[in-house]
C-alpha cells in the first residue's frame, strides 16, 4: 500500500475548501477511506492569511516517517512550513501553452512565408537585373546596326 498526503476537495460550488489527508494512492480523491486528516487549505483566503494553510506538523512528520509521500501541492505547503527542503516543482498547467500540433502549424506557416519572401526577393532581383541588362545591350547593338546600314 502506497500512502500519500494529498488534498481532498470539500466546500460548495465555486467555493473550494480542501482537507489535507493521508490515504492510499489508489483511492479516489474524496473517497471515504482516508487514514487521517493532517491539515486544511482554504484557497479563498488571502495568501498572507495564517489560516489559509493549517498543518498538523507532528502527524505529518509521523506519516512521512512511515513512508507517506506528499503530492506536489502539499509538498509546497510543507516546504513553506520548513518541514522539507524546497525544490523546483514544474507548473503542471499547460492550458496557456499551444499544443504541439498548433506549434507545428505555426512553424509550417512561417516556413511557407519565408519561402514566398525568398522567391519574391529572387524575382525582384531577376527583374532588376533584366531591367539593367537591356539598357546596356542596345548600346552594344547600335554600332552593329550602323555598320550594317553603311
N, C-alpha and C. Protein backbone atom coordinates (compact mmCIF):
# COMPACT_ATOMS: atom_id res chain seq x y z
N UNK A 1 0.85 -1.18 0.00
CA UNK A 1 0.00 0.00 0.00
C UNK A 1 0.89 1.24 0.00
N UNK A 2 0.70 2.10 -0.97
CA UNK A 2 1.47 3.35 -1.07
C UNK A 2 0.62 4.48 -0.49
N UNK A 3 1.04 5.01 0.63
CA UNK A 3 0.28 6.10 1.24
C UNK A 3 0.78 7.43 0.71
N UNK A 4 -0.16 8.33 0.54
CA UNK A 4 0.17 9.66 0.04
C UNK A 4 -0.52 10.70 0.91
N UNK A 5 0.06 11.87 0.93
CA UNK A 5 -0.56 13.02 1.60
C UNK A 5 -0.99 13.94 0.48
N UNK A 6 -2.29 14.15 0.38
CA UNK A 6 -2.81 14.96 -0.74
C UNK A 6 -4.05 15.73 -0.32
N UNK A 7 -4.59 16.50 -1.25
CA UNK A 7 -5.76 17.32 -0.98
C UNK A 7 -7.03 16.55 -1.31
N UNK A 8 -8.05 16.74 -0.49
CA UNK A 8 -9.39 16.22 -0.77
C UNK A 8 -10.31 17.43 -0.79
N UNK A 9 -11.06 17.60 -1.85
CA UNK A 9 -11.87 18.80 -2.02
C UNK A 9 -13.19 18.69 -1.27
N UNK A 10 -13.50 19.78 -0.59
CA UNK A 10 -14.78 19.95 0.08
C UNK A 10 -15.27 21.34 -0.25
N UNK A 11 -16.34 21.79 0.34
CA UNK A 11 -16.83 23.13 0.09
C UNK A 11 -17.89 23.12 -0.98
N UNK A 12 -18.41 24.29 -1.25
CA UNK A 12 -19.52 24.44 -2.20
C UNK A 12 -18.99 24.72 -3.60
N UNK A 13 -19.90 24.77 -4.53
CA UNK A 13 -19.56 25.08 -5.91
C UNK A 13 -18.92 26.47 -5.97
N UNK A 14 -17.79 26.55 -6.61
CA UNK A 14 -17.02 27.78 -6.77
C UNK A 14 -16.52 28.35 -5.44
N UNK A 15 -16.57 27.57 -4.38
CA UNK A 15 -16.03 27.96 -3.08
C UNK A 15 -15.24 26.78 -2.53
N UNK A 16 -14.09 26.45 -3.15
CA UNK A 16 -13.37 25.25 -2.74
C UNK A 16 -12.76 25.39 -1.34
N UNK A 17 -12.67 24.26 -0.70
CA UNK A 17 -12.04 24.14 0.61
C UNK A 17 -11.45 22.74 0.64
N UNK A 18 -10.22 22.61 1.05
CA UNK A 18 -9.55 21.32 0.97
C UNK A 18 -9.12 20.83 2.35
N UNK A 19 -9.21 19.52 2.53
CA UNK A 19 -8.60 18.86 3.68
C UNK A 19 -7.31 18.23 3.17
N UNK A 20 -6.26 18.33 3.95
CA UNK A 20 -5.02 17.64 3.60
C UNK A 20 -5.11 16.29 4.30
N UNK A 21 -5.18 15.23 3.50
CA UNK A 21 -5.47 13.90 4.04
C UNK A 21 -4.35 12.92 3.71
N UNK A 22 -4.29 11.86 4.50
CA UNK A 22 -3.39 10.74 4.25
C UNK A 22 -4.29 9.60 3.78
N UNK A 23 -3.96 9.02 2.63
CA UNK A 23 -4.79 7.97 2.07
C UNK A 23 -3.94 7.05 1.20
N UNK A 24 -4.53 5.98 0.77
CA UNK A 24 -3.88 5.08 -0.18
C UNK A 24 -3.88 5.76 -1.54
N UNK A 25 -2.81 5.63 -2.28
CA UNK A 25 -2.69 6.32 -3.57
C UNK A 25 -3.71 5.81 -4.58
N UNK A 26 -4.23 4.61 -4.39
CA UNK A 26 -5.18 4.04 -5.35
C UNK A 26 -6.61 4.51 -5.12
N UNK A 27 -6.87 5.14 -3.99
CA UNK A 27 -8.23 5.61 -3.68
C UNK A 27 -8.57 6.86 -4.49
N UNK A 28 -9.87 7.08 -4.69
CA UNK A 28 -10.34 8.29 -5.35
C UNK A 28 -10.09 9.48 -4.45
N UNK A 29 -10.14 10.67 -5.03
CA UNK A 29 -9.78 11.88 -4.30
C UNK A 29 -10.59 12.07 -3.02
N UNK A 30 -11.89 11.92 -3.10
CA UNK A 30 -12.74 12.16 -1.93
C UNK A 30 -13.36 10.87 -1.41
N UNK A 31 -12.68 9.75 -1.57
CA UNK A 31 -13.25 8.50 -1.07
C UNK A 31 -13.30 8.56 0.46
N UNK A 32 -14.19 7.81 1.02
CA UNK A 32 -14.36 7.83 2.47
C UNK A 32 -13.27 7.11 3.22
N UNK A 33 -12.42 6.39 2.52
CA UNK A 33 -11.40 5.60 3.21
C UNK A 33 -10.08 6.36 3.34
N UNK A 34 -10.11 7.43 4.14
CA UNK A 34 -8.88 8.17 4.41
C UNK A 34 -8.31 7.68 5.74
N UNK A 35 -7.01 7.77 5.86
CA UNK A 35 -6.34 7.30 7.07
C UNK A 35 -6.26 8.39 8.13
N UNK A 36 -6.31 9.63 7.70
CA UNK A 36 -6.28 10.73 8.66
C UNK A 36 -6.27 12.07 7.97
N UNK A 37 -6.80 13.07 8.68
CA UNK A 37 -6.78 14.45 8.20
C UNK A 37 -5.64 15.14 8.93
N UNK A 38 -4.67 15.64 8.15
CA UNK A 38 -3.48 16.24 8.76
C UNK A 38 -3.37 17.75 8.50
N UNK A 39 -4.43 18.35 7.95
CA UNK A 39 -4.40 19.78 7.74
C UNK A 39 -5.58 20.25 6.92
N UNK A 40 -5.63 21.56 6.73
CA UNK A 40 -6.69 22.18 5.94
C UNK A 40 -6.08 23.27 5.07
N UNK A 41 -6.74 23.52 3.92
CA UNK A 41 -6.26 24.53 2.98
C UNK A 41 -7.48 25.26 2.43
N UNK A 42 -7.50 26.58 2.60
CA UNK A 42 -8.61 27.40 2.12
C UNK A 42 -8.06 28.40 1.09
N UNK A 43 -8.17 28.08 -0.20
CA UNK A 43 -7.61 28.97 -1.23
C UNK A 43 -8.35 30.28 -1.39
N UNK A 44 -9.51 30.42 -0.75
CA UNK A 44 -10.28 31.66 -0.88
C UNK A 44 -9.72 32.76 0.04
N UNK A 45 -8.89 32.40 0.99
CA UNK A 45 -8.29 33.40 1.87
C UNK A 45 -7.07 34.03 1.20
N UNK A 46 -6.68 35.20 1.69
CA UNK A 46 -5.51 35.90 1.14
C UNK A 46 -4.25 35.08 1.40
N UNK A 47 -3.26 35.25 0.55
CA UNK A 47 -2.02 34.47 0.66
C UNK A 47 -1.29 34.69 1.99
N UNK A 48 -1.41 35.87 2.53
CA UNK A 48 -0.69 36.15 3.77
C UNK A 48 -1.49 35.79 5.02
N UNK A 49 -2.69 35.29 4.86
CA UNK A 49 -3.52 34.89 6.00
C UNK A 49 -2.98 33.60 6.61
N UNK A 50 -2.82 33.59 7.92
CA UNK A 50 -2.25 32.41 8.58
C UNK A 50 -3.19 31.21 8.58
N UNK A 51 -4.49 31.43 8.36
CA UNK A 51 -5.45 30.33 8.34
C UNK A 51 -5.63 29.73 6.94
N UNK A 52 -4.91 30.26 5.97
CA UNK A 52 -5.01 29.72 4.60
C UNK A 52 -4.55 28.27 4.57
N UNK A 53 -3.43 27.97 5.19
CA UNK A 53 -2.92 26.60 5.28
C UNK A 53 -2.69 26.29 6.75
N UNK A 54 -3.38 25.28 7.24
CA UNK A 54 -3.21 24.84 8.62
C UNK A 54 -2.71 23.40 8.58
N UNK A 55 -1.54 23.16 9.18
CA UNK A 55 -0.93 21.83 9.15
C UNK A 55 -0.78 21.28 10.56
N UNK A 56 -1.02 19.98 10.69
CA UNK A 56 -0.74 19.28 11.95
C UNK A 56 0.66 18.66 11.78
N UNK A 57 1.65 19.42 12.15
CA UNK A 57 3.03 19.10 11.84
C UNK A 57 3.48 17.76 12.44
N UNK A 58 3.10 17.50 13.69
CA UNK A 58 3.52 16.24 14.32
C UNK A 58 2.97 15.03 13.57
N UNK A 59 1.70 15.11 13.17
CA UNK A 59 1.09 13.99 12.45
C UNK A 59 1.72 13.81 11.07
N UNK A 60 2.00 14.93 10.41
CA UNK A 60 2.63 14.86 9.08
C UNK A 60 4.00 14.21 9.18
N UNK A 61 4.79 14.62 10.18
CA UNK A 61 6.12 14.02 10.37
C UNK A 61 6.00 12.52 10.62
N UNK A 62 5.01 12.12 11.41
CA UNK A 62 4.83 10.70 11.72
C UNK A 62 4.47 9.92 10.46
N UNK A 63 3.56 10.46 9.64
CA UNK A 63 3.17 9.76 8.42
C UNK A 63 4.32 9.71 7.41
N UNK A 64 5.09 10.78 7.33
CA UNK A 64 6.22 10.78 6.40
C UNK A 64 7.29 9.80 6.87
N UNK A 65 7.44 9.63 8.18
CA UNK A 65 8.38 8.64 8.71
C UNK A 65 7.93 7.23 8.35
N UNK A 66 6.62 7.04 8.21
CA UNK A 66 6.07 5.73 7.83
C UNK A 66 6.13 5.51 6.31
N UNK A 67 6.54 6.53 5.55
CA UNK A 67 6.71 6.37 4.11
C UNK A 67 5.68 7.08 3.26
N UNK A 68 4.82 7.90 3.84
CA UNK A 68 3.84 8.64 3.05
C UNK A 68 4.55 9.72 2.24
N UNK A 69 4.16 9.84 0.98
CA UNK A 69 4.77 10.84 0.09
C UNK A 69 3.76 11.93 -0.20
N UNK A 70 4.16 13.20 -0.08
CA UNK A 70 3.23 14.30 -0.36
C UNK A 70 3.07 14.54 -1.86
N UNK A 71 1.88 15.01 -2.24
CA UNK A 71 1.66 15.43 -3.62
C UNK A 71 2.45 16.72 -3.86
N UNK A 72 2.52 17.17 -5.11
CA UNK A 72 3.28 18.38 -5.43
C UNK A 72 2.77 19.59 -4.65
N UNK A 73 1.45 19.77 -4.62
CA UNK A 73 0.87 20.92 -3.93
C UNK A 73 1.14 20.84 -2.43
N UNK A 74 0.94 19.68 -1.84
CA UNK A 74 1.20 19.52 -0.40
C UNK A 74 2.69 19.68 -0.12
N UNK A 75 3.54 19.22 -1.03
CA UNK A 75 4.98 19.39 -0.86
C UNK A 75 5.33 20.88 -0.75
N UNK A 76 4.68 21.70 -1.56
CA UNK A 76 4.93 23.14 -1.48
C UNK A 76 4.51 23.70 -0.12
N UNK A 77 3.37 23.24 0.39
CA UNK A 77 2.93 23.68 1.72
C UNK A 77 3.96 23.28 2.77
N UNK A 78 4.44 22.05 2.69
CA UNK A 78 5.41 21.56 3.66
C UNK A 78 6.73 22.30 3.55
N UNK A 79 7.14 22.63 2.32
CA UNK A 79 8.39 23.39 2.12
C UNK A 79 8.26 24.79 2.71
N UNK A 80 7.10 25.41 2.54
CA UNK A 80 6.89 26.74 3.11
C UNK A 80 6.87 26.70 4.64
N UNK A 81 6.45 25.57 5.20
CA UNK A 81 6.43 25.41 6.66
C UNK A 81 7.80 24.99 7.19
N UNK A 82 8.73 24.63 6.32
CA UNK A 82 10.07 24.25 6.73
C UNK A 82 10.21 22.78 7.08
N UNK A 83 9.25 21.94 6.71
CA UNK A 83 9.32 20.51 7.02
C UNK A 83 10.17 19.73 6.02
N UNK A 84 10.24 20.20 4.80
CA UNK A 84 11.03 19.53 3.77
C UNK A 84 11.84 20.59 3.02
N UNK A 85 12.86 20.14 2.32
CA UNK A 85 13.68 21.07 1.54
C UNK A 85 12.90 21.56 0.33
N UNK A 86 13.08 22.84 0.01
CA UNK A 86 12.40 23.38 -1.18
C UNK A 86 13.04 22.80 -2.42
N UNK A 87 12.22 22.53 -3.41
CA UNK A 87 12.70 22.05 -4.70
C UNK A 87 11.86 22.68 -5.79
N UNK A 88 12.38 22.65 -6.97
CA UNK A 88 11.66 23.22 -8.11
C UNK A 88 10.61 22.22 -8.57
N UNK A 89 9.35 22.62 -8.50
CA UNK A 89 8.25 21.79 -8.99
C UNK A 89 7.71 22.48 -10.23
N UNK A 90 7.76 21.84 -11.37
CA UNK A 90 7.29 22.49 -12.59
C UNK A 90 5.78 22.72 -12.55
N UNK A 91 5.35 23.78 -13.18
CA UNK A 91 3.91 24.03 -13.28
C UNK A 91 3.30 22.98 -14.18
N UNK A 92 2.23 22.37 -13.72
CA UNK A 92 1.61 21.31 -14.49
C UNK A 92 0.58 21.86 -15.48
N UNK A 93 0.14 23.07 -15.24
CA UNK A 93 -0.88 23.63 -16.11
C UNK A 93 -0.27 23.97 -17.46
N UNK A 94 -0.85 23.44 -18.51
CA UNK A 94 -0.35 23.70 -19.86
C UNK A 94 -1.44 24.31 -20.73
N UNK A 95 -2.53 24.72 -20.12
CA UNK A 95 -3.64 25.26 -20.89
C UNK A 95 -3.26 26.56 -21.59
N UNK A 96 -2.32 27.30 -21.01
CA UNK A 96 -1.94 28.56 -21.62
C UNK A 96 -0.91 28.37 -22.73
N UNK A 97 -0.40 27.15 -22.87
CA UNK A 97 0.59 26.88 -23.90
C UNK A 97 -0.08 26.26 -25.12
N UNK A 98 0.52 26.48 -26.27
CA UNK A 98 -0.03 25.94 -27.51
C UNK A 98 0.35 24.48 -27.64
N UNK A 99 -0.53 23.70 -28.25
CA UNK A 99 -0.28 22.28 -28.42
C UNK A 99 0.82 22.06 -29.46
N UNK A 100 1.35 20.84 -29.50
CA UNK A 100 2.41 20.52 -30.45
C UNK A 100 1.90 20.67 -31.89
N UNK A 101 0.66 20.27 -32.11
CA UNK A 101 0.07 20.36 -33.45
C UNK A 101 -0.02 21.84 -33.89
N UNK A 102 -0.45 22.71 -32.98
CA UNK A 102 -0.54 24.13 -33.29
C UNK A 102 0.85 24.71 -33.55
N UNK A 103 1.82 24.32 -32.72
CA UNK A 103 3.19 24.81 -32.91
C UNK A 103 3.74 24.37 -34.27
N UNK A 104 3.41 23.14 -34.69
CA UNK A 104 3.85 22.65 -35.99
C UNK A 104 3.21 23.46 -37.12
N UNK A 105 1.91 23.78 -36.97
CA UNK A 105 1.22 24.59 -37.99
C UNK A 105 1.85 25.98 -38.09
N UNK A 106 2.18 26.56 -36.94
CA UNK A 106 2.81 27.89 -36.93
C UNK A 106 4.17 27.83 -37.61
N UNK A 107 4.93 26.79 -37.33
CA UNK A 107 6.26 26.62 -37.95
C UNK A 107 6.12 26.44 -39.46
N UNK A 108 5.15 25.60 -39.88
CA UNK A 108 4.93 25.38 -41.31
C UNK A 108 4.55 26.69 -42.01
N UNK A 109 3.68 27.46 -41.37
CA UNK A 109 3.25 28.72 -41.96
C UNK A 109 4.42 29.70 -42.07
N UNK A 110 5.26 29.74 -41.03
CA UNK A 110 6.44 30.63 -41.06
C UNK A 110 7.40 30.19 -42.16
N UNK A 111 7.59 28.88 -42.30
CA UNK A 111 8.46 28.37 -43.37
C UNK A 111 7.91 28.74 -44.74
N UNK A 112 6.59 28.60 -44.89
CA UNK A 112 5.95 28.92 -46.17
C UNK A 112 6.10 30.40 -46.49
N UNK A 113 5.89 31.27 -45.48
CA UNK A 113 6.04 32.71 -45.69
C UNK A 113 7.48 33.07 -46.01
N UNK A 114 8.43 32.41 -45.36
CA UNK A 114 9.84 32.66 -45.64
C UNK A 114 10.19 32.25 -47.07
N UNK A 115 9.63 31.12 -47.51
CA UNK A 115 9.88 30.66 -48.87
C UNK A 115 9.30 31.63 -49.89
N UNK A 116 8.07 32.11 -49.62
CA UNK A 116 7.44 33.08 -50.52
C UNK A 116 8.25 34.37 -50.57
N UNK A 117 8.73 34.84 -49.42
CA UNK A 117 9.54 36.06 -49.38
C UNK A 117 10.85 35.86 -50.13
N UNK A 118 11.42 34.67 -50.01
CA UNK A 118 12.67 34.35 -50.71
C UNK A 118 12.45 34.37 -52.22
N UNK A 119 11.34 33.74 -52.65
CA UNK A 119 11.03 33.71 -54.08
C UNK A 119 10.75 35.12 -54.61
N UNK A 120 10.05 35.93 -53.81
CA UNK A 120 9.74 37.29 -54.21
C UNK A 120 11.02 38.11 -54.35
N UNK A 121 11.95 37.93 -53.39
CA UNK A 121 13.22 38.65 -53.45
C UNK A 121 14.02 38.21 -54.67
N UNK A 122 14.00 36.92 -54.98
CA UNK A 122 14.71 36.41 -56.16
C UNK A 122 14.08 36.97 -57.44
N UNK A 123 12.75 37.04 -57.47
CA UNK A 123 12.05 37.57 -58.65
C UNK A 123 12.37 39.06 -58.83
N UNK A 124 12.40 39.79 -57.73
CA UNK A 124 12.73 41.22 -57.82
C UNK A 124 14.17 41.41 -58.29
N UNK A 125 15.07 40.58 -57.80
CA UNK A 125 16.47 40.68 -58.22
C UNK A 125 16.59 40.36 -59.71
N UNK A 126 15.85 39.34 -60.17
CA UNK A 126 15.88 38.98 -61.59
C UNK A 126 15.30 40.11 -62.43
N UNK A 127 14.21 40.71 -61.95
CA UNK A 127 13.58 41.81 -62.69
C UNK A 127 14.52 43.02 -62.76
N UNK A 128 15.20 43.27 -61.64
CA UNK A 128 16.15 44.39 -61.60
C UNK A 128 17.31 44.14 -62.55
N UNK A 129 17.80 42.90 -62.54
CA UNK A 129 18.90 42.54 -63.44
C UNK A 129 18.44 42.62 -64.89
N UNK A 130 17.22 42.20 -65.16
CA UNK A 130 16.67 42.25 -66.52
C UNK A 130 16.48 43.70 -66.96
N UNK A 131 16.08 44.56 -66.04
CA UNK A 131 15.88 45.97 -66.38
C UNK A 131 17.21 46.65 -66.68
N UNK A 132 18.28 46.26 -65.99
CA UNK A 132 19.58 46.86 -66.24
C UNK A 132 20.23 46.28 -67.49
N UNK A 133 20.03 45.04 -67.77
CA UNK A 133 20.67 44.39 -68.91
C UNK A 133 20.21 44.96 -70.25
N UNK A 134 18.93 45.18 -70.50
CA UNK A 134 18.53 45.74 -71.80
C UNK A 134 19.06 47.15 -72.02
N UNK A 135 19.25 47.92 -70.98
CA UNK A 135 19.78 49.27 -71.14
C UNK A 135 21.21 49.21 -71.67
N UNK A 136 22.00 48.23 -71.28
CA UNK A 136 23.37 48.09 -71.76
C UNK A 136 23.40 47.41 -73.13
N UNK A 137 22.52 46.49 -73.35
CA UNK A 137 22.53 45.72 -74.60
C UNK A 137 22.27 46.60 -75.84
N UNK A 138 21.28 47.50 -75.85
CA UNK A 138 21.08 48.32 -77.05
C UNK A 138 22.28 49.19 -77.37
N UNK A 139 23.02 49.60 -76.39
CA UNK A 139 24.19 50.42 -76.67
C UNK A 139 25.21 49.60 -77.46
N UNK A 140 25.32 48.32 -77.17
CA UNK A 140 26.25 47.48 -77.90
C UNK A 140 25.70 47.15 -79.29
N UNK A 141 24.39 47.00 -79.39
CA UNK A 141 23.79 46.63 -80.66
C UNK A 141 23.75 47.81 -81.63
N UNK A 142 23.67 49.01 -81.16
CA UNK A 142 23.56 50.18 -82.03
C UNK A 142 24.73 50.27 -83.00
N UNK A 143 25.97 50.09 -82.61
CA UNK A 143 27.05 50.16 -83.60
C UNK A 143 26.94 49.06 -84.63
N UNK A 144 26.44 47.92 -84.24
CA UNK A 144 26.32 46.82 -85.19
C UNK A 144 25.28 47.18 -86.25
N UNK A 145 24.16 47.80 -85.91
CA UNK A 145 23.14 48.18 -86.88
C UNK A 145 23.66 49.32 -87.76
N UNK A 146 24.47 50.19 -87.24
CA UNK A 146 25.02 51.26 -88.04
C UNK A 146 26.00 50.70 -89.06
N UNK A 147 26.73 49.69 -88.62
CA UNK A 147 27.70 49.09 -89.55
C UNK A 147 26.97 48.40 -90.68
N UNK A 148 25.86 47.79 -90.40
CA UNK A 148 25.08 47.12 -91.44
C UNK A 148 24.50 48.15 -92.38
N UNK A 149 24.09 49.32 -91.89
CA UNK A 149 23.47 50.35 -92.71
C UNK A 149 24.48 50.97 -93.65
N UNK A 150 25.73 51.02 -93.29
CA UNK A 150 26.74 51.65 -94.14
C UNK A 150 27.05 50.77 -95.27
